[in-house]
Amino acid sequence: MFNQSDYDESCNESYCSYGDIDIVEPCSHQNNHSVALVIGPYVHSIICILGLVGNILVIVTYAFYKRTKSMTDIYLLNVAISDLLFVVSLPLIVYNELSAWPMGPVACKLLRGSYSVNLYSGMLLLACISTDRYIAIVQARRSFRLRSLQYSRVICAIVWVVALLLSIPSFYFYTWYEPSHTKSFFMIEEEESLDSGPPQYVCEFMFMDTNTAWKTKVAVPSTQLAVGFFLPLLIMVFCYSAVIVTLLKARNFQRHKAVRVVLVVVAVFIICHLPYNVTLLYDTVHMFKEQSCEAAEALQISKTVTQTIAYLHCCLNPVLYAFVGVKFRNHFRRIVQDLWCLGKKYIAPRRFSRVTSEMYVSTRRSVDGSSENGSSFTM
């Protein structure tokens, strides 16, 4: 308990001195908050809409129009499911970062844990796709033996289990609690100040001791950097480099066109994820070092912006890995045609019933009778 007679008070904007006690006001990060207020509601909303539409189309295509007949199809379907789960949880993550978390401890752990699972599974599945392309093109003689549906299902199950295991710290340490800086606990002359409003709970990391906090706050981003970025990047660079060399030896226009597709896939991956992971690496290295408010705020703004750029990749995955294939685009056109025919059938049934029925039946026949040789990721 503090008494007024113990202190001679003197203050400026961010520093107060009460006798022998120095109190430093925490950094406000107002600029980062302003950036987050723009990016959170608007940019992330666009990412959610595009990600939902693209990945739902991929899942619908595999569910109703194209069966999973190759290893690549299995990988693409799992990538779409992972990205879809991510964009569904993204609005809640943005809401948690901008305001208090009202949904309780169970939802907090599920949200943060599922985010981590989707991050690891999505990145590892992209590495699996690049390995599959390497086997199909560079190791063509072995591809029929190595690229079976049984192997692909086992590999996807392993990927999801590994992602779940790597996400255990997120499930365990993310907690719903009221941070101490939201409480008014400084007492003068034995009078407690009243809280300005209802408790403001957050969904963030919470640790019981300093040693655990130190290890976990270094281990979690380090694992994310190693397994969630550098490992997939190395696999993609190795596999696609060998694929490009093999394709360049083939004197064929379509093969050279495929080289450009591969370069775009790698370039988009690097452009989306490299800035954020470099920022995360810098933040991890300097996590426990003293920084000025200006430097800390600049780092937070960089993380906010580069993380949003990384989120864009979930919108681009359907375009890069699915719709780039000719056969997949044909299935997408059939989806649009069927939706158009069904729409006209319900809007004007008397006028268009016969025409729409014939068009719908013919469309379904063309879908069922279409050949499905090769994978949807046509090179």
Protein backbone atom coordinates (compact mmCIF):
# COMPACT_ATOMS: atom_id res chain seq x y z
CA MET A 1 0.00 0.00 0.00
CA PHE A 2 1.33 3.38 -1.01
CA ASN A 3 0.87 6.62 0.91
CA GLN A 4 0.94 10.06 -0.62
CA SER A 5 3.55 11.24 1.92
CA ASP A 6 6.04 8.75 0.54
CA TYR A 7 6.25 10.45 -2.86
CA ASP A 8 7.19 13.71 -4.48
CA GLU A 9 5.34 13.47 -7.79
CA SER A 10 6.76 14.80 -11.07
CA CYS A 11 5.57 13.67 -14.52
CA ASN A 12 5.98 14.27 -18.21
CA GLU A 13 4.29 12.59 -21.21
CA SER A 14 5.63 9.07 -20.67
CA TYR A 15 7.52 9.13 -17.39
CA CYS A 16 6.52 9.68 -13.77
CA SER A 17 8.69 9.80 -10.69
CA TYR A 18 7.26 9.13 -7.21
CA GLY A 19 10.17 9.59 -4.85
CA ASP A 20 12.38 6.54 -5.32
CA ILE A 21 9.97 4.79 -7.73
CA ASP A 22 10.16 5.41 -11.48
CA ILE A 23 7.12 4.48 -13.56
CA VAL A 24 7.49 4.40 -17.34
CA GLU A 25 4.34 4.53 -19.41
CA PRO A 26 4.11 1.69 -22.00
CA CYS A 27 4.33 2.50 -25.69
CA SER A 28 0.93 3.35 -27.15
CA HIS A 29 1.53 2.09 -30.73
CA GLN A 30 -1.12 4.47 -32.06
CA ASN A 31 0.20 4.36 -35.64
CA ASN A 32 0.10 0.57 -35.72
CA HIS A 33 -3.43 0.66 -34.31
CA SER A 34 -4.46 3.08 -37.07
CA VAL A 35 -2.96 0.78 -39.72
CA ALA A 36 -4.71 -2.24 -38.19
CA LEU A 37 -8.04 -0.39 -38.21
CA VAL A 38 -7.71 0.02 -41.98
CA ILE A 39 -6.28 -3.40 -42.83
CA GLY A 40 -8.43 -5.39 -40.41
CA PRO A 41 -11.99 -4.54 -41.48
CA TYR A 42 -11.36 -3.79 -45.17
CA VAL A 43 -8.34 -5.66 -46.59
CA HIS A 44 -8.99 -8.79 -44.56
CA SER A 45 -12.64 -8.75 -45.63
CA ILE A 46 -11.54 -8.85 -49.27
CA ILE A 47 -9.15 -11.71 -48.48
CA CYS A 48 -11.95 -13.62 -46.75
CA ILE A 49 -14.39 -13.19 -49.63
CA LEU A 50 -11.89 -14.16 -52.34
CA GLY A 51 -10.55 -17.05 -50.28
CA LEU A 52 -14.04 -18.37 -49.57
CA VAL A 53 -15.13 -18.21 -53.21
CA GLY A 54 -11.96 -19.73 -54.66
CA ASN A 55 -11.55 -22.58 -52.19
CA ILE A 56 -15.26 -23.43 -52.10
CA LEU A 57 -15.18 -23.72 -55.89
CA VAL A 58 -12.25 -26.13 -55.65
CA ILE A 59 -14.03 -28.27 -53.05
CA VAL A 60 -17.34 -28.22 -54.97
CA THR A 61 -15.54 -29.23 -58.15
CA TYR A 62 -13.98 -32.25 -56.48
CA ALA A 63 -17.21 -33.15 -54.69
CA PHE A 64 -19.61 -33.03 -57.65
CA TYR A 65 -17.69 -32.75 -60.93
CA LYS A 66 -14.26 -34.27 -60.68
CA ARG A 67 -13.26 -37.24 -58.62
CA THR A 68 -9.86 -37.35 -56.93
CA LYS A 69 -8.02 -39.69 -59.29
CA SER A 70 -4.41 -38.68 -58.71
CA MET A 71 -2.03 -37.76 -55.93
CA THR A 72 -2.14 -34.10 -56.99
CA ASP A 73 -5.95 -34.10 -56.70
CA ILE A 74 -5.73 -35.32 -53.11
CA TYR A 75 -3.19 -32.63 -52.26
CA LEU A 76 -5.20 -29.87 -53.94
CA LEU A 77 -8.37 -30.86 -52.10
CA ASN A 78 -6.55 -30.82 -48.75
CA VAL A 79 -4.94 -27.45 -49.51
CA ALA A 80 -8.38 -26.02 -50.33
CA ILE A 81 -9.82 -27.39 -47.07
CA SER A 82 -6.91 -25.93 -45.08
CA ASP A 83 -7.23 -22.51 -46.75
CA LEU A 84 -11.00 -22.53 -46.30
CA LEU A 85 -10.71 -23.21 -42.58
CA PHE A 86 -8.17 -20.40 -42.35
CA VAL A 87 -10.33 -17.76 -44.07
CA VAL A 88 -13.30 -18.79 -41.91
CA SER A 89 -11.27 -18.17 -38.75
CA LEU A 90 -9.59 -14.99 -40.04
CA PRO A 91 -12.47 -12.60 -39.12
CA LEU A 92 -12.39 -13.86 -35.52
CA ILE A 93 -8.61 -13.45 -35.36
CA VAL A 94 -8.90 -9.87 -36.65
CA TYR A 95 -11.67 -9.14 -34.16
CA ASN A 96 -9.53 -10.49 -31.33
CA GLU A 97 -6.60 -8.27 -32.35
CA LEU A 98 -8.71 -5.11 -32.54
CA SER A 99 -10.87 -5.54 -29.43
CA ALA A 100 -11.59 -7.71 -26.43
CA TRP A 101 -12.35 -11.43 -26.80
CA PRO A 102 -15.91 -12.20 -25.62
CA MET A 103 -16.25 -15.88 -26.52
CA GLY A 104 -14.60 -17.57 -23.57
CA PRO A 105 -11.53 -19.79 -23.05
CA VAL A 106 -12.58 -22.82 -25.13
CA ALA A 107 -13.24 -20.78 -28.27
CA CYS A 108 -9.97 -18.93 -27.67
CA LYS A 109 -7.90 -22.12 -27.66
CA LEU A 110 -9.78 -23.61 -30.62
CA LEU A 111 -9.37 -20.46 -32.70
CA ARG A 112 -5.65 -20.00 -32.11
CA GLY A 113 -4.90 -23.71 -32.28
CA SER A 114 -6.80 -24.23 -35.52
CA TYR A 115 -5.04 -21.21 -37.02
CA SER A 116 -1.69 -22.84 -36.26
CA VAL A 117 -2.83 -26.22 -37.63
CA ASN A 118 -4.01 -24.64 -40.88
CA LEU A 119 -0.78 -22.67 -41.24
CA TYR A 120 1.47 -25.72 -40.93
CA SER A 121 -0.75 -28.07 -42.93
CA GLY A 122 -1.17 -25.60 -45.80
CA MET A 123 2.55 -24.92 -46.14
CA LEU A 124 3.54 -28.59 -45.87
CA LEU A 125 0.92 -29.58 -48.44
CA LEU A 126 2.37 -27.04 -50.88
CA ALA A 127 5.73 -28.76 -50.37
CA CYS A 128 4.01 -32.10 -51.09
CA ILE A 129 2.58 -30.72 -54.34
CA SER A 130 6.02 -29.59 -55.49
CA THR A 131 7.43 -33.05 -54.64
CA ASP A 132 4.60 -34.67 -56.59
CA ARG A 133 5.37 -32.49 -59.63
CA TYR A 134 9.04 -33.43 -59.32
CA ILE A 135 8.24 -37.15 -59.33
CA ALA A 136 5.72 -36.84 -62.18
CA ILE A 137 8.04 -34.91 -64.49
CA VAL A 138 11.65 -35.57 -63.46
CA GLN A 139 11.17 -39.13 -62.21
CA ALA A 140 8.55 -40.10 -64.76
CA ARG A 141 9.56 -43.76 -64.85
CA ARG A 142 8.90 -44.17 -61.15
CA SER A 143 5.81 -41.98 -61.02
CA PHE A 144 3.26 -44.77 -61.53
CA ARG A 145 4.64 -46.66 -58.54
CA LEU A 146 5.18 -43.67 -56.23
CA ARG A 147 2.13 -41.56 -57.08
CA SER A 148 -0.70 -43.79 -55.87
CA LEU A 149 -3.87 -42.68 -54.11
CA GLN A 150 -3.03 -44.81 -51.08
CA TYR A 151 0.31 -43.05 -50.63
CA SER A 152 -1.26 -39.62 -51.05
CA ARG A 153 -3.93 -40.28 -48.40
CA VAL A 154 -1.31 -41.56 -45.96
CA ILE A 155 0.94 -38.54 -46.63
CA CYS A 156 -1.96 -36.09 -46.11
CA ALA A 157 -2.88 -37.81 -42.85
CA ILE A 158 0.75 -37.53 -41.69
CA VAL A 159 0.80 -33.84 -42.64
CA TRP A 160 -2.33 -33.09 -40.59
CA VAL A 161 -0.99 -35.05 -37.60
CA VAL A 162 2.36 -33.25 -37.75
CA ALA A 163 0.57 -29.88 -38.01
CA LEU A 164 -1.54 -30.81 -34.97
CA LEU A 165 1.52 -31.81 -32.94
CA LEU A 166 3.36 -28.60 -33.85
CA SER A 167 0.30 -26.62 -32.75
CA ILE A 168 0.13 -28.09 -29.22
CA PRO A 169 1.85 -25.02 -27.67
CA SER A 170 -0.81 -22.79 -29.23
CA PHE A 171 -3.63 -24.95 -27.87
CA TYR A 172 -2.01 -25.06 -24.42
CA PHE A 173 -0.64 -21.56 -23.82
CA TYR A 174 -3.26 -19.38 -25.50
CA THR A 175 -5.60 -18.36 -22.69
CA TRP A 176 -8.62 -16.16 -22.11
CA TYR A 177 -7.71 -13.68 -19.38
CA GLU A 178 -7.88 -10.08 -18.28
CA PRO A 179 -4.44 -8.45 -18.68
CA SER A 180 -3.08 -6.56 -15.71
CA HIS A 181 -2.57 -3.32 -17.62
CA THR A 182 -6.37 -3.00 -18.00
CA LYS A 183 -6.87 -2.96 -14.25
CA SER A 184 -6.67 0.11 -12.06
CA PHE A 185 -4.80 -1.17 -9.09
CA PHE A 186 -2.59 1.77 -8.08
CA MET A 187 -3.85 2.95 -4.71
CA ILE A 188 -3.22 6.26 -2.99
CA GLU A 189 -4.19 6.99 0.62
CA GLU A 190 -5.78 3.54 0.97
CA GLU A 191 -8.41 4.32 -1.68
CA GLU A 192 -8.77 1.97 -4.64
CA SER A 193 -9.66 3.55 -7.94
CA LEU A 194 -12.76 2.20 -9.66
CA ASP A 195 -12.58 0.39 -12.99
CA SER A 196 -13.63 2.53 -15.92
CA GLY A 197 -15.77 -0.22 -17.45
CA PRO A 198 -16.45 -3.96 -17.65
CA PRO A 199 -13.47 -6.37 -17.70
CA GLN A 200 -11.64 -6.49 -21.04
CA TYR A 201 -10.56 -10.08 -21.69
CA VAL A 202 -8.06 -11.04 -24.38
CA CYS A 203 -7.04 -14.29 -26.09
CA GLU A 204 -3.25 -14.30 -25.92
CA PHE A 205 -0.28 -16.28 -24.64
CA MET A 206 -0.12 -16.55 -20.84
CA PHE A 207 2.64 -18.26 -18.85
CA MET A 208 3.05 -19.19 -15.21
CA ASP A 209 6.78 -18.46 -14.98
CA THR A 210 9.42 -16.46 -16.81
CA ASN A 211 11.49 -19.45 -17.92
CA THR A 212 8.52 -21.06 -19.70
CA ALA A 213 7.61 -17.75 -21.30
CA TRP A 214 11.17 -17.25 -22.55
CA LYS A 215 11.43 -20.72 -24.11
CA THR A 216 7.93 -20.78 -25.61
CA LYS A 217 8.01 -17.28 -27.08
CA VAL A 218 11.24 -18.21 -28.88
CA ALA A 219 10.32 -21.80 -29.79
CA VAL A 220 6.91 -21.08 -31.35
CA PRO A 221 8.04 -18.48 -33.97
CA SER A 222 11.26 -20.43 -34.56
CA THR A 223 9.28 -23.56 -35.38
CA GLN A 224 6.97 -21.54 -37.59
CA LEU A 225 9.96 -20.14 -39.47
CA ALA A 226 11.70 -23.51 -39.85
CA VAL A 227 8.76 -25.81 -40.63
CA GLY A 228 6.21 -23.29 -41.89
CA PHE A 229 8.45 -21.42 -44.32
CA PHE A 230 12.08 -22.41 -44.84
CA LEU A 231 11.44 -26.17 -45.19
CA PRO A 232 8.66 -25.75 -47.81
CA LEU A 233 10.71 -23.06 -49.56
CA LEU A 234 13.79 -25.32 -49.86
CA ILE A 235 11.67 -28.23 -51.11
CA MET A 236 9.91 -26.01 -53.67
CA VAL A 237 13.16 -24.48 -54.92
CA PHE A 238 14.83 -27.88 -55.30
CA CYS A 239 11.88 -29.65 -56.92
CA TYR A 240 10.84 -26.86 -59.26
CA SER A 241 14.43 -26.18 -60.30
CA ALA A 242 14.71 -29.80 -61.42
CA VAL A 243 11.29 -29.55 -63.09
CA ILE A 244 12.34 -26.44 -65.03
CA VAL A 245 15.56 -28.07 -66.20
CA THR A 246 13.63 -31.12 -67.40
CA LEU A 247 10.97 -29.04 -69.15
CA LEU A 248 13.52 -26.86 -70.91
CA LYS A 249 15.04 -29.96 -72.50
CA ALA A 250 11.69 -30.74 -74.13
CA ARG A 251 11.20 -28.75 -77.34
CA ASN A 252 7.51 -28.14 -76.97
CA PHE A 253 5.50 -24.93 -76.66
CA GLN A 254 3.28 -26.28 -73.91
CA ARG A 255 6.32 -27.34 -71.92
CA HIS A 256 7.82 -23.88 -72.11
CA LYS A 257 4.49 -22.43 -71.07
CA ALA A 258 4.59 -24.76 -68.08
CA VAL A 259 7.99 -23.34 -67.12
CA ARG A 260 6.41 -19.90 -66.80
CA VAL A 261 3.66 -21.37 -64.60
CA VAL A 262 6.27 -22.93 -62.31
CA LEU A 263 8.17 -19.65 -62.05
CA VAL A 264 4.95 -17.81 -61.17
CA VAL A 265 4.11 -20.37 -58.45
CA VAL A 266 7.53 -19.99 -56.81
CA ALA A 267 7.60 -16.20 -57.23
CA VAL A 268 4.16 -15.73 -55.66
CA PHE A 269 5.11 -17.96 -52.74
CA ILE A 270 8.27 -15.94 -52.07
CA ILE A 271 6.59 -12.55 -52.55
CA CYS A 272 3.75 -13.44 -50.18
CA HIS A 273 5.66 -15.17 -47.40
CA LEU A 274 9.24 -13.92 -47.42
CA PRO A 275 8.57 -10.37 -46.09
CA TYR A 276 6.55 -11.59 -43.11
CA ASN A 277 8.98 -14.36 -42.21
CA VAL A 278 11.95 -12.00 -42.41
CA THR A 279 10.08 -9.62 -40.09
CA LEU A 280 9.18 -12.50 -37.78
CA LEU A 281 12.83 -13.61 -37.70
CA TYR A 282 13.96 -10.11 -36.78
CA ASP A 283 11.29 -9.88 -34.09
CA THR A 284 12.32 -13.24 -32.62
CA VAL A 285 16.01 -12.30 -32.51
CA HIS A 286 15.29 -8.93 -30.83
CA MET A 287 12.36 -10.12 -28.70
CA PHE A 288 14.01 -9.63 -25.30
CA LYS A 289 16.16 -6.64 -26.20
CA GLU A 290 15.24 -3.14 -25.11
CA GLN A 291 13.87 -0.99 -27.95
CA SER A 292 12.62 2.54 -28.26
CA CYS A 293 8.91 3.11 -28.77
CA GLU A 294 9.55 4.28 -32.34
CA ALA A 295 11.51 1.12 -33.25
CA ALA A 296 8.97 -1.16 -31.57
CA GLU A 297 6.08 0.52 -33.35
CA ALA A 298 7.85 0.34 -36.73
CA LEU A 299 8.33 -3.40 -36.16
CA GLN A 300 4.67 -3.86 -35.26
CA ILE A 301 3.54 -1.99 -38.37
CA SER A 302 5.85 -4.16 -40.50
CA LYS A 303 4.39 -7.32 -38.97
CA THR A 304 0.83 -6.11 -39.54
CA VAL A 305 1.40 -5.24 -43.20
CA THR A 306 3.58 -8.24 -44.14
CA GLN A 307 1.25 -10.66 -42.36
CA THR A 308 -1.63 -9.37 -44.48
CA ILE A 309 0.45 -9.95 -47.62
CA ALA A 310 1.07 -13.53 -46.44
CA TYR A 311 -2.68 -14.01 -45.95
CA LEU A 312 -3.20 -13.20 -49.64
CA HIS A 313 -1.65 -16.53 -50.59
CA CYS A 314 -4.76 -18.44 -49.48
CA CYS A 315 -6.70 -16.53 -52.19
CA LEU A 316 -4.09 -17.23 -54.86
CA ASN A 317 -3.68 -20.96 -54.19
CA PRO A 318 -6.86 -21.96 -56.10
CA VAL A 319 -5.73 -19.94 -59.11
CA LEU A 320 -2.12 -21.13 -59.07
CA TYR A 321 -2.69 -24.80 -58.34
CA ALA A 322 -6.19 -25.61 -59.60
CA PHE A 323 -7.60 -23.21 -62.16
CA VAL A 324 -4.28 -23.06 -64.05
CA GLY A 325 -5.09 -26.55 -65.35
CA VAL A 326 -7.15 -26.78 -68.55
CA LYS A 327 -9.34 -29.60 -67.27
CA PHE A 328 -10.04 -27.85 -63.98
CA ARG A 329 -11.07 -24.71 -65.85
CA ASN A 330 -13.47 -26.78 -67.94
CA HIS A 331 -15.07 -28.13 -64.76
CA PHE A 332 -15.37 -24.59 -63.45
CA ARG A 333 -17.18 -23.51 -66.64
CA ARG A 334 -19.59 -26.40 -66.17
CA ILE A 335 -20.31 -25.25 -62.62
CA VAL A 336 -21.17 -21.78 -63.93
CA GLN A 337 -23.33 -23.25 -66.70
CA ASP A 338 -25.22 -25.50 -64.28
CA LEU A 339 -25.81 -22.64 -61.86
CA TRP A 340 -27.04 -20.45 -64.73
CA CYS A 341 -29.37 -23.15 -65.99
CA LEU A 342 -30.77 -23.85 -62.54
CA GLY A 343 -31.24 -20.13 -61.94
CA LYS A 344 -33.26 -19.70 -65.11
CA LYS A 345 -35.24 -22.81 -64.28
CA TYR A 346 -36.43 -21.41 -60.95
CA ILE A 347 -36.81 -17.80 -62.10
CA ALA A 348 -38.95 -18.52 -65.16
CA PRO A 349 -40.01 -22.18 -65.06
CA ARG A 350 -42.76 -21.97 -67.67
CA ARG A 351 -40.72 -20.21 -70.29
CA PHE A 352 -37.41 -21.95 -69.87
CA SER A 353 -38.28 -25.31 -68.32
CA ARG A 354 -37.73 -27.37 -71.47
CA VAL A 355 -34.60 -25.54 -72.58
CA THR A 356 -32.97 -25.54 -69.17
CA SER A 357 -33.74 -29.22 -68.64
CA GLU A 358 -32.10 -30.14 -71.93
CA MET A 359 -29.11 -27.92 -71.22
CA TYR A 360 -28.71 -29.25 -67.70
CA VAL A 361 -28.94 -32.92 -68.81
CA SER A 362 -26.49 -32.35 -71.67
CA THR A 363 -24.11 -30.57 -69.32
CA ARG A 364 -24.21 -33.36 -66.77
CA ARG A 365 -23.60 -35.92 -69.52
CA SER A 366 -20.59 -33.99 -70.70
CA VAL A 367 -19.28 -33.91 -67.13
CA ASP A 368 -19.83 -37.60 -66.51
CA GLY A 369 -18.42 -38.57 -69.86
CA SER A 370 -15.36 -36.37 -69.81
CA SER A 371 -11.98 -38.04 -69.75
CA GLU A 372 -9.88 -37.66 -66.66
CA ASN A 373 -6.38 -38.63 -67.68
CA GLY A 374 -3.64 -36.93 -65.75
CA SER A 375 -3.83 -34.49 -62.88
CA SER A 376 -5.64 -31.22 -62.62
CA PHE A 377 -2.38 -29.36 -62.18
CA THR A 378 -1.57 -29.49 -65.89
CA MET A 379 1.98 -28.51 -66.73
